[in-house]
Amino acid sequence: MISIRLAMAVAVALALTAGMATAAQAPNDEPAYVVRGKQTEANQRALKERMARFHDALAAALERDAPDLLPNLEPPPAGAFGYRILPRVRPDAPPPPPTKPGVVSYSWWWSDTLIARAMARLAGLEADLARISASGGDRAAYSALAADYRKAVDGRRPVDADVDYNWLWQRRIAADRAKRGHHV
């Protein structure tokens, strides 16, 4: 079984390697935030593709060993993450107790960290699928794995929203700097 730390270290190393390759090929006329954003988007695409492959592998295993669980497994919706969707409207919940304000940081580095965490979680799910399949396909284990996969899909939404938000504010900062005559 792959440890979460090892999987995360591998994901970060892959992200950094992909980032360096992209930086080496980037044209010099693009602002730094665009070059860096494209690196993060490449990592985001890798996560999306890996989640789709895992979905397909899990669906095949369920079809073989527990077909009644297939309806519980929906494919990840294409392009339905980030700021392009509206939230569900719900009644107001009671306000939470007041908390101490904290600093929130948005950056490409943070987006890559979120992507690496999602990749590590996915690596754990892949290891669980391999273990369950090798042991003969326990229905209860498959049910739990399908539920964990849905949580991973839900966990991808904040990652995609973070990337979208970075593009929004970084573009705004670059435009503001250009107006003031600062080098971007």
N, C-alpha and C. Protein backbone atom coordinates (compact mmCIF):
# COMPACT_ATOMS: atom_id res chain seq x y z
N MET A 1 0.85 -1.18 0.00
CA MET A 1 0.00 0.00 0.00
C MET A 1 0.89 1.24 0.00
N ILE A 2 0.56 2.17 -0.84
CA ILE A 2 1.34 3.39 -0.96
C ILE A 2 0.96 4.33 0.17
N SER A 3 1.96 4.88 0.84
CA SER A 3 1.67 5.83 1.90
C SER A 3 1.26 7.15 1.27
N ILE A 4 0.45 7.91 1.98
CA ILE A 4 -0.01 9.20 1.49
C ILE A 4 1.17 10.14 1.28
N ARG A 5 2.14 10.12 2.20
CA ARG A 5 3.31 11.00 2.06
C ARG A 5 4.11 10.67 0.81
N LEU A 6 4.31 9.37 0.56
CA LEU A 6 5.06 8.97 -0.63
C LEU A 6 4.31 9.39 -1.89
N ALA A 7 3.00 9.14 -1.91
CA ALA A 7 2.21 9.51 -3.08
C ALA A 7 2.23 11.01 -3.30
N MET A 8 2.15 11.77 -2.22
CA MET A 8 2.17 13.22 -2.34
C MET A 8 3.53 13.70 -2.83
N ALA A 9 4.60 13.09 -2.33
CA ALA A 9 5.95 13.47 -2.76
C ALA A 9 6.11 13.19 -4.25
N VAL A 10 5.59 12.05 -4.72
CA VAL A 10 5.67 11.72 -6.15
C VAL A 10 4.86 12.73 -6.96
N ALA A 11 3.66 13.07 -6.47
CA ALA A 11 2.82 14.03 -7.19
C ALA A 11 3.48 15.40 -7.28
N VAL A 12 4.09 15.84 -6.19
CA VAL A 12 4.77 17.14 -6.19
C VAL A 12 5.96 17.11 -7.14
N ALA A 13 6.71 16.01 -7.12
CA ALA A 13 7.86 15.89 -8.02
C ALA A 13 7.41 15.93 -9.48
N LEU A 14 6.32 15.23 -9.79
CA LEU A 14 5.80 15.26 -11.15
C LEU A 14 5.34 16.66 -11.53
N ALA A 15 4.69 17.34 -10.60
CA ALA A 15 4.22 18.70 -10.87
C ALA A 15 5.40 19.63 -11.14
N LEU A 16 6.44 19.51 -10.34
CA LEU A 16 7.60 20.37 -10.53
C LEU A 16 8.31 20.06 -11.84
N THR A 17 8.42 18.78 -12.18
CA THR A 17 9.05 18.39 -13.43
C THR A 17 8.27 18.93 -14.61
N ALA A 18 6.94 18.80 -14.56
CA ALA A 18 6.10 19.32 -15.64
C ALA A 18 6.23 20.83 -15.72
N GLY A 19 6.31 21.48 -14.57
CA GLY A 19 6.45 22.93 -14.53
C GLY A 19 7.75 23.39 -15.15
N MET A 20 8.84 22.70 -14.86
CA MET A 20 10.13 23.09 -15.41
C MET A 20 10.14 22.90 -16.92
N ALA A 21 9.53 21.83 -17.41
CA ALA A 21 9.49 21.59 -18.85
C ALA A 21 8.68 22.67 -19.54
N THR A 22 7.56 23.06 -18.95
CA THR A 22 6.73 24.11 -19.53
C THR A 22 7.47 25.43 -19.53
N ALA A 23 8.16 25.74 -18.44
CA ALA A 23 8.89 27.01 -18.34
C ALA A 23 9.99 27.08 -19.40
N ALA A 24 10.62 25.95 -19.68
CA ALA A 24 11.70 25.94 -20.66
C ALA A 24 11.16 26.21 -22.06
N GLN A 25 9.87 25.87 -22.32
CA GLN A 25 9.30 26.03 -23.64
C GLN A 25 8.49 27.33 -23.78
N ALA A 26 8.30 28.07 -22.69
CA ALA A 26 7.43 29.24 -22.71
C ALA A 26 8.06 30.38 -23.51
N PRO A 27 7.22 31.05 -24.29
CA PRO A 27 7.75 32.21 -25.01
C PRO A 27 8.05 33.33 -24.02
N ASN A 28 9.06 34.15 -24.36
CA ASN A 28 9.50 35.21 -23.46
C ASN A 28 8.51 36.35 -23.35
N ASP A 29 7.58 36.49 -24.29
CA ASP A 29 6.67 37.63 -24.27
C ASP A 29 5.46 37.44 -23.36
N GLU A 30 5.28 36.27 -22.78
CA GLU A 30 4.15 36.06 -21.87
C GLU A 30 4.52 36.53 -20.46
N PRO A 31 3.56 37.15 -19.77
CA PRO A 31 3.83 37.54 -18.38
C PRO A 31 4.11 36.30 -17.53
N ALA A 32 4.86 36.49 -16.47
CA ALA A 32 5.25 35.37 -15.60
C ALA A 32 4.03 34.65 -15.04
N TYR A 33 2.97 35.39 -14.67
CA TYR A 33 1.80 34.72 -14.10
C TYR A 33 1.12 33.81 -15.12
N VAL A 34 1.20 34.16 -16.41
CA VAL A 34 0.61 33.32 -17.46
C VAL A 34 1.42 32.04 -17.62
N VAL A 35 2.74 32.18 -17.66
CA VAL A 35 3.60 31.01 -17.78
C VAL A 35 3.36 30.06 -16.60
N ARG A 36 3.34 30.64 -15.40
CA ARG A 36 3.15 29.81 -14.19
C ARG A 36 1.75 29.22 -14.15
N GLY A 37 0.75 29.99 -14.59
CA GLY A 37 -0.62 29.49 -14.62
C GLY A 37 -0.78 28.32 -15.58
N LYS A 38 -0.09 28.38 -16.71
CA LYS A 38 -0.16 27.26 -17.66
C LYS A 38 0.45 26.00 -17.07
N GLN A 39 1.49 26.16 -16.25
CA GLN A 39 2.09 25.00 -15.58
C GLN A 39 1.07 24.37 -14.63
N THR A 40 0.40 25.21 -13.87
CA THR A 40 -0.60 24.71 -12.94
C THR A 40 -1.78 24.08 -13.68
N GLU A 41 -2.19 24.69 -14.79
CA GLU A 41 -3.27 24.09 -15.58
C GLU A 41 -2.87 22.73 -16.15
N ALA A 42 -1.61 22.54 -16.48
CA ALA A 42 -1.15 21.22 -16.95
C ALA A 42 -1.30 20.20 -15.82
N ASN A 43 -0.97 20.60 -14.60
CA ASN A 43 -1.15 19.71 -13.45
C ASN A 43 -2.64 19.43 -13.22
N GLN A 44 -3.46 20.44 -13.40
CA GLN A 44 -4.90 20.30 -13.23
C GLN A 44 -5.46 19.31 -14.27
N ARG A 45 -5.01 19.43 -15.52
CA ARG A 45 -5.44 18.50 -16.56
C ARG A 45 -5.01 17.07 -16.23
N ALA A 46 -3.79 16.92 -15.72
CA ALA A 46 -3.31 15.58 -15.35
C ALA A 46 -4.20 14.97 -14.27
N LEU A 47 -4.62 15.79 -13.31
CA LEU A 47 -5.54 15.30 -12.27
C LEU A 47 -6.87 14.88 -12.88
N LYS A 48 -7.42 15.71 -13.75
CA LYS A 48 -8.70 15.40 -14.40
C LYS A 48 -8.61 14.09 -15.18
N GLU A 49 -7.53 13.93 -15.94
CA GLU A 49 -7.37 12.72 -16.75
C GLU A 49 -7.18 11.49 -15.86
N ARG A 50 -6.43 11.65 -14.78
CA ARG A 50 -6.21 10.52 -13.87
C ARG A 50 -7.52 10.13 -13.18
N MET A 51 -8.32 11.13 -12.80
CA MET A 51 -9.61 10.81 -12.19
C MET A 51 -10.52 10.09 -13.17
N ALA A 52 -10.50 10.49 -14.43
CA ALA A 52 -11.32 9.83 -15.44
C ALA A 52 -10.87 8.39 -15.65
N ARG A 53 -9.54 8.17 -15.67
CA ARG A 53 -9.04 6.79 -15.82
C ARG A 53 -9.44 5.93 -14.62
N PHE A 54 -9.36 6.52 -13.41
CA PHE A 54 -9.75 5.77 -12.22
C PHE A 54 -11.24 5.45 -12.28
N HIS A 55 -12.04 6.41 -12.70
CA HIS A 55 -13.48 6.17 -12.82
C HIS A 55 -13.74 4.98 -13.74
N ASP A 56 -13.06 4.98 -14.89
CA ASP A 56 -13.26 3.89 -15.85
C ASP A 56 -12.83 2.54 -15.26
N ALA A 57 -11.71 2.52 -14.55
CA ALA A 57 -11.23 1.27 -13.94
C ALA A 57 -12.19 0.80 -12.85
N LEU A 58 -12.66 1.73 -12.03
CA LEU A 58 -13.60 1.36 -10.97
C LEU A 58 -14.92 0.88 -11.56
N ALA A 59 -15.40 1.55 -12.61
CA ALA A 59 -16.65 1.12 -13.26
C ALA A 59 -16.50 -0.29 -13.83
N ALA A 60 -15.35 -0.59 -14.44
CA ALA A 60 -15.13 -1.93 -14.99
C ALA A 60 -15.10 -2.98 -13.87
N ALA A 61 -14.46 -2.65 -12.76
CA ALA A 61 -14.41 -3.59 -11.64
C ALA A 61 -15.79 -3.80 -11.05
N LEU A 62 -16.56 -2.73 -10.92
CA LEU A 62 -17.92 -2.87 -10.39
C LEU A 62 -18.79 -3.67 -11.33
N GLU A 63 -18.65 -3.44 -12.62
CA GLU A 63 -19.43 -4.19 -13.60
C GLU A 63 -19.13 -5.68 -13.51
N ARG A 64 -17.88 -6.00 -13.25
CA ARG A 64 -17.45 -7.40 -13.14
C ARG A 64 -17.87 -8.02 -11.81
N ASP A 65 -17.65 -7.29 -10.70
CA ASP A 65 -17.80 -7.90 -9.37
C ASP A 65 -19.02 -7.45 -8.57
N ALA A 66 -19.56 -6.28 -8.86
CA ALA A 66 -20.71 -5.77 -8.09
C ALA A 66 -21.54 -4.85 -8.97
N PRO A 67 -22.19 -5.39 -10.01
CA PRO A 67 -22.90 -4.55 -10.97
C PRO A 67 -24.03 -3.72 -10.35
N ASP A 68 -24.57 -4.16 -9.23
CA ASP A 68 -25.64 -3.39 -8.60
C ASP A 68 -25.15 -2.05 -8.04
N LEU A 69 -23.83 -1.88 -7.89
CA LEU A 69 -23.27 -0.63 -7.38
C LEU A 69 -22.98 0.40 -8.48
N LEU A 70 -23.09 -0.02 -9.74
CA LEU A 70 -22.78 0.90 -10.85
C LEU A 70 -23.61 2.19 -10.82
N PRO A 71 -24.90 2.14 -10.48
CA PRO A 71 -25.66 3.40 -10.46
C PRO A 71 -25.11 4.41 -9.43
N ASN A 72 -24.39 3.93 -8.42
CA ASN A 72 -23.82 4.83 -7.42
C ASN A 72 -22.60 5.58 -7.95
N LEU A 73 -22.12 5.15 -9.08
CA LEU A 73 -20.89 5.73 -9.64
C LEU A 73 -21.21 6.55 -10.87
N GLU A 74 -21.18 7.86 -10.73
CA GLU A 74 -21.43 8.74 -11.85
C GLU A 74 -20.09 9.20 -12.40
N PRO A 75 -19.97 9.35 -13.70
CA PRO A 75 -18.72 9.89 -14.23
C PRO A 75 -18.56 11.35 -13.81
N PRO A 76 -17.33 11.79 -13.65
CA PRO A 76 -17.15 13.21 -13.32
C PRO A 76 -17.68 14.07 -14.45
N PRO A 77 -18.51 15.07 -14.13
CA PRO A 77 -19.06 15.91 -15.21
C PRO A 77 -17.97 16.73 -15.89
N ALA A 78 -18.03 16.77 -17.19
CA ALA A 78 -17.02 17.50 -17.97
C ALA A 78 -17.23 19.00 -17.82
N GLY A 79 -16.20 19.68 -17.37
CA GLY A 79 -16.24 21.13 -17.29
C GLY A 79 -17.24 21.72 -16.34
N ALA A 80 -17.71 20.97 -15.36
CA ALA A 80 -18.72 21.48 -14.44
C ALA A 80 -18.10 21.82 -13.08
N PHE A 81 -16.88 22.30 -13.10
CA PHE A 81 -16.21 22.66 -11.86
C PHE A 81 -15.84 24.13 -11.90
N GLY A 82 -15.49 24.66 -10.78
CA GLY A 82 -15.01 26.03 -10.71
C GLY A 82 -16.14 27.04 -10.72
N TYR A 83 -15.89 28.21 -11.32
CA TYR A 83 -16.86 29.30 -11.31
C TYR A 83 -17.90 29.19 -12.40
N ARG A 84 -17.90 28.13 -13.17
CA ARG A 84 -18.85 28.02 -14.27
C ARG A 84 -20.17 27.38 -13.88
N ILE A 85 -20.36 27.05 -12.63
CA ILE A 85 -21.61 26.45 -12.19
C ILE A 85 -22.20 27.27 -11.05
N LEU A 86 -23.49 27.16 -10.90
CA LEU A 86 -24.17 27.83 -9.81
C LEU A 86 -24.31 26.86 -8.65
N PRO A 87 -24.24 27.37 -7.42
CA PRO A 87 -24.40 26.48 -6.27
C PRO A 87 -25.87 26.11 -6.09
N ARG A 88 -26.11 25.02 -5.35
CA ARG A 88 -27.47 24.67 -4.99
C ARG A 88 -27.99 25.71 -4.00
N VAL A 89 -29.22 26.11 -4.18
CA VAL A 89 -29.83 27.06 -3.26
C VAL A 89 -30.44 26.26 -2.11
N ARG A 90 -30.06 26.62 -0.91
CA ARG A 90 -30.54 25.92 0.28
C ARG A 90 -31.02 26.96 1.29
N PRO A 91 -31.84 26.51 2.23
CA PRO A 91 -32.23 27.46 3.28
C PRO A 91 -31.00 27.84 4.11
N ASP A 92 -31.05 29.05 4.65
CA ASP A 92 -29.94 29.51 5.49
C ASP A 92 -29.78 28.62 6.70
N ALA A 93 -28.55 28.27 6.98
CA ALA A 93 -28.23 27.50 8.18
C ALA A 93 -27.98 28.49 9.31
N PRO A 94 -28.09 28.02 10.54
CA PRO A 94 -27.77 28.95 11.63
C PRO A 94 -26.32 29.40 11.51
N PRO A 95 -26.05 30.66 11.86
CA PRO A 95 -24.68 31.14 11.71
C PRO A 95 -23.72 30.38 12.62
N PRO A 96 -22.52 30.11 12.11
CA PRO A 96 -21.54 29.41 12.94
C PRO A 96 -21.03 30.33 14.05
N PRO A 97 -20.45 29.74 15.07
CA PRO A 97 -19.89 30.60 16.12
C PRO A 97 -18.76 31.44 15.54
N PRO A 98 -18.56 32.63 16.06
CA PRO A 98 -17.50 33.49 15.52
C PRO A 98 -16.14 32.83 15.66
N THR A 99 -15.33 33.01 14.64
CA THR A 99 -13.97 32.47 14.67
C THR A 99 -12.98 33.60 14.49
N LYS A 100 -11.77 33.32 14.84
CA LYS A 100 -10.72 34.31 14.69
C LYS A 100 -10.39 34.43 13.19
N PRO A 101 -10.34 35.65 12.66
CA PRO A 101 -10.02 35.80 11.23
C PRO A 101 -8.62 35.26 10.93
N GLY A 102 -8.47 34.70 9.75
CA GLY A 102 -7.17 34.18 9.34
C GLY A 102 -6.79 34.72 7.97
N VAL A 103 -5.54 34.62 7.66
CA VAL A 103 -5.04 35.05 6.36
C VAL A 103 -5.22 33.89 5.38
N VAL A 104 -5.77 34.20 4.23
CA VAL A 104 -5.95 33.21 3.18
C VAL A 104 -5.04 33.62 2.03
N SER A 105 -4.30 32.66 1.52
CA SER A 105 -3.36 32.94 0.46
C SER A 105 -3.77 32.19 -0.80
N TYR A 106 -3.83 32.92 -1.91
CA TYR A 106 -4.07 32.30 -3.20
C TYR A 106 -2.80 32.48 -4.03
N SER A 107 -2.36 31.39 -4.62
CA SER A 107 -1.17 31.46 -5.48
C SER A 107 -1.13 30.19 -6.32
N TRP A 108 -0.31 30.24 -7.35
CA TRP A 108 -0.16 29.03 -8.16
C TRP A 108 0.44 27.92 -7.31
N TRP A 109 1.34 28.27 -6.41
CA TRP A 109 1.94 27.27 -5.53
C TRP A 109 0.85 26.58 -4.71
N TRP A 110 -0.09 27.34 -4.18
CA TRP A 110 -1.16 26.75 -3.36
C TRP A 110 -2.05 25.86 -4.23
N SER A 111 -2.35 26.30 -5.45
CA SER A 111 -3.15 25.47 -6.36
C SER A 111 -2.44 24.15 -6.63
N ASP A 112 -1.12 24.21 -6.87
CA ASP A 112 -0.36 22.98 -7.10
C ASP A 112 -0.36 22.09 -5.86
N THR A 113 -0.32 22.70 -4.67
CA THR A 113 -0.39 21.92 -3.43
C THR A 113 -1.73 21.20 -3.34
N LEU A 114 -2.82 21.89 -3.65
CA LEU A 114 -4.14 21.25 -3.63
C LEU A 114 -4.23 20.12 -4.65
N ILE A 115 -3.65 20.34 -5.82
CA ILE A 115 -3.64 19.30 -6.85
C ILE A 115 -2.83 18.10 -6.38
N ALA A 116 -1.67 18.35 -5.76
CA ALA A 116 -0.84 17.24 -5.25
C ALA A 116 -1.59 16.45 -4.19
N ARG A 117 -2.31 17.13 -3.33
CA ARG A 117 -3.11 16.43 -2.31
C ARG A 117 -4.18 15.56 -2.95
N ALA A 118 -4.85 16.10 -3.98
CA ALA A 118 -5.87 15.33 -4.68
C ALA A 118 -5.25 14.13 -5.39
N MET A 119 -4.06 14.31 -5.96
CA MET A 119 -3.35 13.20 -6.61
C MET A 119 -2.98 12.13 -5.58
N ALA A 120 -2.54 12.54 -4.41
CA ALA A 120 -2.18 11.58 -3.36
C ALA A 120 -3.41 10.80 -2.91
N ARG A 121 -4.53 11.50 -2.77
CA ARG A 121 -5.76 10.81 -2.38
C ARG A 121 -6.17 9.82 -3.46
N LEU A 122 -6.02 10.22 -4.72
CA LEU A 122 -6.35 9.34 -5.84
C LEU A 122 -5.41 8.13 -5.87
N ALA A 123 -4.15 8.34 -5.55
CA ALA A 123 -3.20 7.21 -5.50
C ALA A 123 -3.65 6.20 -4.44
N GLY A 124 -4.14 6.69 -3.33
CA GLY A 124 -4.67 5.79 -2.30
C GLY A 124 -5.88 5.01 -2.79
N LEU A 125 -6.76 5.68 -3.53
CA LEU A 125 -7.93 4.99 -4.09
C LEU A 125 -7.51 3.94 -5.12
N GLU A 126 -6.51 4.28 -5.93
CA GLU A 126 -6.01 3.31 -6.92
C GLU A 126 -5.42 2.08 -6.23
N ALA A 127 -4.69 2.30 -5.15
CA ALA A 127 -4.12 1.17 -4.40
C ALA A 127 -5.23 0.33 -3.78
N ASP A 128 -6.26 1.00 -3.26
CA ASP A 128 -7.40 0.27 -2.69
C ASP A 128 -8.11 -0.56 -3.74
N LEU A 129 -8.29 0.00 -4.93
CA LEU A 129 -8.95 -0.73 -6.01
C LEU A 129 -8.13 -1.96 -6.40
N ALA A 130 -6.83 -1.81 -6.50
CA ALA A 130 -5.97 -2.95 -6.84
C ALA A 130 -6.07 -4.04 -5.77
N ARG A 131 -6.06 -3.63 -4.51
CA ARG A 131 -6.14 -4.58 -3.40
C ARG A 131 -7.49 -5.31 -3.39
N ILE A 132 -8.58 -4.55 -3.58
CA ILE A 132 -9.92 -5.14 -3.56
C ILE A 132 -10.09 -6.10 -4.73
N SER A 133 -9.64 -5.69 -5.91
CA SER A 133 -9.76 -6.54 -7.09
C SER A 133 -8.95 -7.82 -6.93
N ALA A 134 -7.74 -7.69 -6.37
CA ALA A 134 -6.88 -8.87 -6.18
C ALA A 134 -7.46 -9.83 -5.16
N SER A 135 -8.23 -9.32 -4.21
CA SER A 135 -8.78 -10.19 -3.16
C SER A 135 -10.11 -10.81 -3.55
N GLY A 136 -10.55 -10.60 -4.77
CA GLY A 136 -11.77 -11.26 -5.21
C GLY A 136 -12.98 -10.34 -5.30
N GLY A 137 -12.84 -9.08 -4.95
CA GLY A 137 -13.94 -8.13 -5.15
C GLY A 137 -15.02 -8.16 -4.10
N ASP A 138 -14.68 -7.80 -2.88
CA ASP A 138 -15.65 -7.71 -1.79
C ASP A 138 -16.63 -6.57 -2.05
N ARG A 139 -17.93 -6.87 -2.06
CA ARG A 139 -18.96 -5.89 -2.37
C ARG A 139 -18.94 -4.71 -1.41
N ALA A 140 -18.81 -4.95 -0.13
CA ALA A 140 -18.78 -3.87 0.87
C ALA A 140 -17.58 -2.95 0.64
N ALA A 141 -16.44 -3.54 0.31
CA ALA A 141 -15.25 -2.74 0.04
C ALA A 141 -15.43 -1.89 -1.21
N TYR A 142 -16.05 -2.48 -2.24
CA TYR A 142 -16.34 -1.71 -3.45
C TYR A 142 -17.29 -0.56 -3.17
N SER A 143 -18.29 -0.81 -2.35
CA SER A 143 -19.26 0.23 -1.99
C SER A 143 -18.55 1.40 -1.29
N ALA A 144 -17.66 1.08 -0.36
CA ALA A 144 -16.91 2.12 0.35
C ALA A 144 -15.98 2.85 -0.62
N LEU A 145 -15.38 2.12 -1.55
CA LEU A 145 -14.47 2.75 -2.51
C LEU A 145 -15.23 3.69 -3.44
N ALA A 146 -16.42 3.28 -3.87
CA ALA A 146 -17.24 4.16 -4.73
C ALA A 146 -17.61 5.43 -3.97
N ALA A 147 -17.93 5.31 -2.70
CA ALA A 147 -18.25 6.49 -1.89
C ALA A 147 -17.03 7.39 -1.73
N ASP A 148 -15.86 6.79 -1.52
CA ASP A 148 -14.63 7.57 -1.40
C ASP A 148 -14.30 8.28 -2.71
N TYR A 149 -14.57 7.62 -3.83
CA TYR A 149 -14.34 8.25 -5.13
C TYR A 149 -15.24 9.47 -5.30
N ARG A 150 -16.50 9.36 -4.92
CA ARG A 150 -17.42 10.50 -5.03
C ARG A 150 -16.91 11.67 -4.18
N LYS A 151 -16.35 11.36 -3.00
CA LYS A 151 -15.77 12.41 -2.15
C LYS A 151 -14.57 13.05 -2.84
N ALA A 152 -13.77 12.23 -3.53
CA ALA A 152 -12.62 12.77 -4.25
C ALA A 152 -13.07 13.68 -5.38
N VAL A 153 -14.16 13.31 -6.08
CA VAL A 153 -14.70 14.15 -7.15
C VAL A 153 -15.19 15.47 -6.55
N ASP A 154 -15.88 15.38 -5.42
CA ASP A 154 -16.33 16.60 -4.75
C ASP A 154 -15.15 17.44 -4.28
N GLY A 155 -14.06 16.79 -3.88
CA GLY A 155 -12.86 17.49 -3.43
C GLY A 155 -12.12 18.20 -4.56
N ARG A 156 -12.43 17.82 -5.78
CA ARG A 156 -11.77 18.47 -6.92
C ARG A 156 -12.37 19.84 -7.21
N ARG A 157 -13.60 20.05 -6.81
CA ARG A 157 -14.25 21.34 -7.08
C ARG A 157 -13.47 22.51 -6.47
N PRO A 158 -13.06 22.43 -5.19
CA PRO A 158 -12.28 23.55 -4.65
C PRO A 158 -10.93 23.75 -5.36
N VAL A 159 -10.35 22.67 -5.84
CA VAL A 159 -9.09 22.78 -6.58
C VAL A 159 -9.32 23.59 -7.85
N ASP A 160 -10.35 23.22 -8.60
CA ASP A 160 -10.64 23.92 -9.85
C ASP A 160 -11.04 25.37 -9.59
N ALA A 161 -11.80 25.59 -8.52
CA ALA A 161 -12.19 26.96 -8.18
C ALA A 161 -10.97 27.79 -7.81
N ASP A 162 -10.01 27.19 -7.12
CA ASP A 162 -8.79 27.90 -6.74
C ASP A 162 -8.00 28.32 -7.97
N VAL A 163 -7.88 27.42 -8.94
CA VAL A 163 -7.17 27.75 -10.17
C VAL A 163 -7.90 28.88 -10.90
N ASP A 164 -9.23 28.76 -11.02
CA ASP A 164 -10.00 29.82 -11.68
C ASP A 164 -9.81 31.16 -10.98
N TYR A 165 -9.84 31.15 -9.66
CA TYR A 165 -9.70 32.38 -8.90
C TYR A 165 -8.31 32.99 -9.09
N ASN A 166 -7.30 32.13 -9.14
CA ASN A 166 -5.94 32.63 -9.38
C ASN A 166 -5.87 33.37 -10.70
N TRP A 167 -6.45 32.81 -11.77
CA TRP A 167 -6.43 33.49 -13.05
C TRP A 167 -7.10 34.85 -12.92
N LEU A 168 -8.21 34.90 -12.21
CA LEU A 168 -8.96 36.14 -12.06
C LEU A 168 -8.12 37.22 -11.38
N TRP A 169 -7.60 36.91 -10.21
CA TRP A 169 -6.89 37.96 -9.47
C TRP A 169 -5.51 38.25 -10.03
N GLN A 170 -4.80 37.24 -10.56
CA GLN A 170 -3.47 37.50 -11.10
C GLN A 170 -3.56 38.37 -12.36
N ARG A 171 -4.57 38.13 -13.19
CA ARG A 171 -4.77 38.97 -14.37
C ARG A 171 -5.06 40.41 -13.94
N ARG A 172 -5.85 40.55 -12.90
CA ARG A 172 -6.21 41.89 -12.39
C ARG A 172 -4.97 42.62 -11.85
N ILE A 173 -4.15 41.92 -11.10
CA ILE A 173 -2.93 42.53 -10.55
C ILE A 173 -1.99 42.94 -11.68
N ALA A 174 -1.83 42.07 -12.68
CA ALA A 174 -0.95 42.40 -13.81
C ALA A 174 -1.47 43.63 -14.55
N ALA A 175 -2.78 43.73 -14.73
CA ALA A 175 -3.35 44.90 -15.40
C ALA A 175 -3.12 46.16 -14.58
N ASP A 176 -3.28 46.05 -13.27
CA ASP A 176 -3.06 47.19 -12.39
C ASP A 176 -1.60 47.64 -12.42
N ARG A 177 -0.69 46.68 -12.40
CA ARG A 177 0.74 47.02 -12.46
C ARG A 177 1.08 47.69 -13.79
N ALA A 178 0.49 47.20 -14.87
CA ALA A 178 0.76 47.79 -16.19
C ALA A 178 0.28 49.24 -16.23
N LYS A 179 -0.87 49.52 -15.61
CA LYS A 179 -1.38 50.89 -15.56
C LYS A 179 -0.44 51.80 -14.80
N ARG A 180 0.20 51.27 -13.78
CA ARG A 180 1.09 52.06 -12.94
C ARG A 180 2.52 52.10 -13.47
N GLY A 181 2.76 51.37 -14.56
CA GLY A 181 4.08 51.40 -15.17
C GLY A 181 5.07 50.42 -14.54
N HIS A 182 4.59 49.48 -13.75
CA HIS A 182 5.47 48.46 -13.16
C HIS A 182 5.67 47.33 -14.15
N HIS A 183 6.82 46.72 -14.08
CA HIS A 183 7.13 45.56 -14.91
C HIS A 183 6.38 44.35 -14.36
N VAL A 184 5.72 43.59 -15.23
CA VAL A 184 4.96 42.41 -14.81
C VAL A 184 5.77 41.16 -15.01
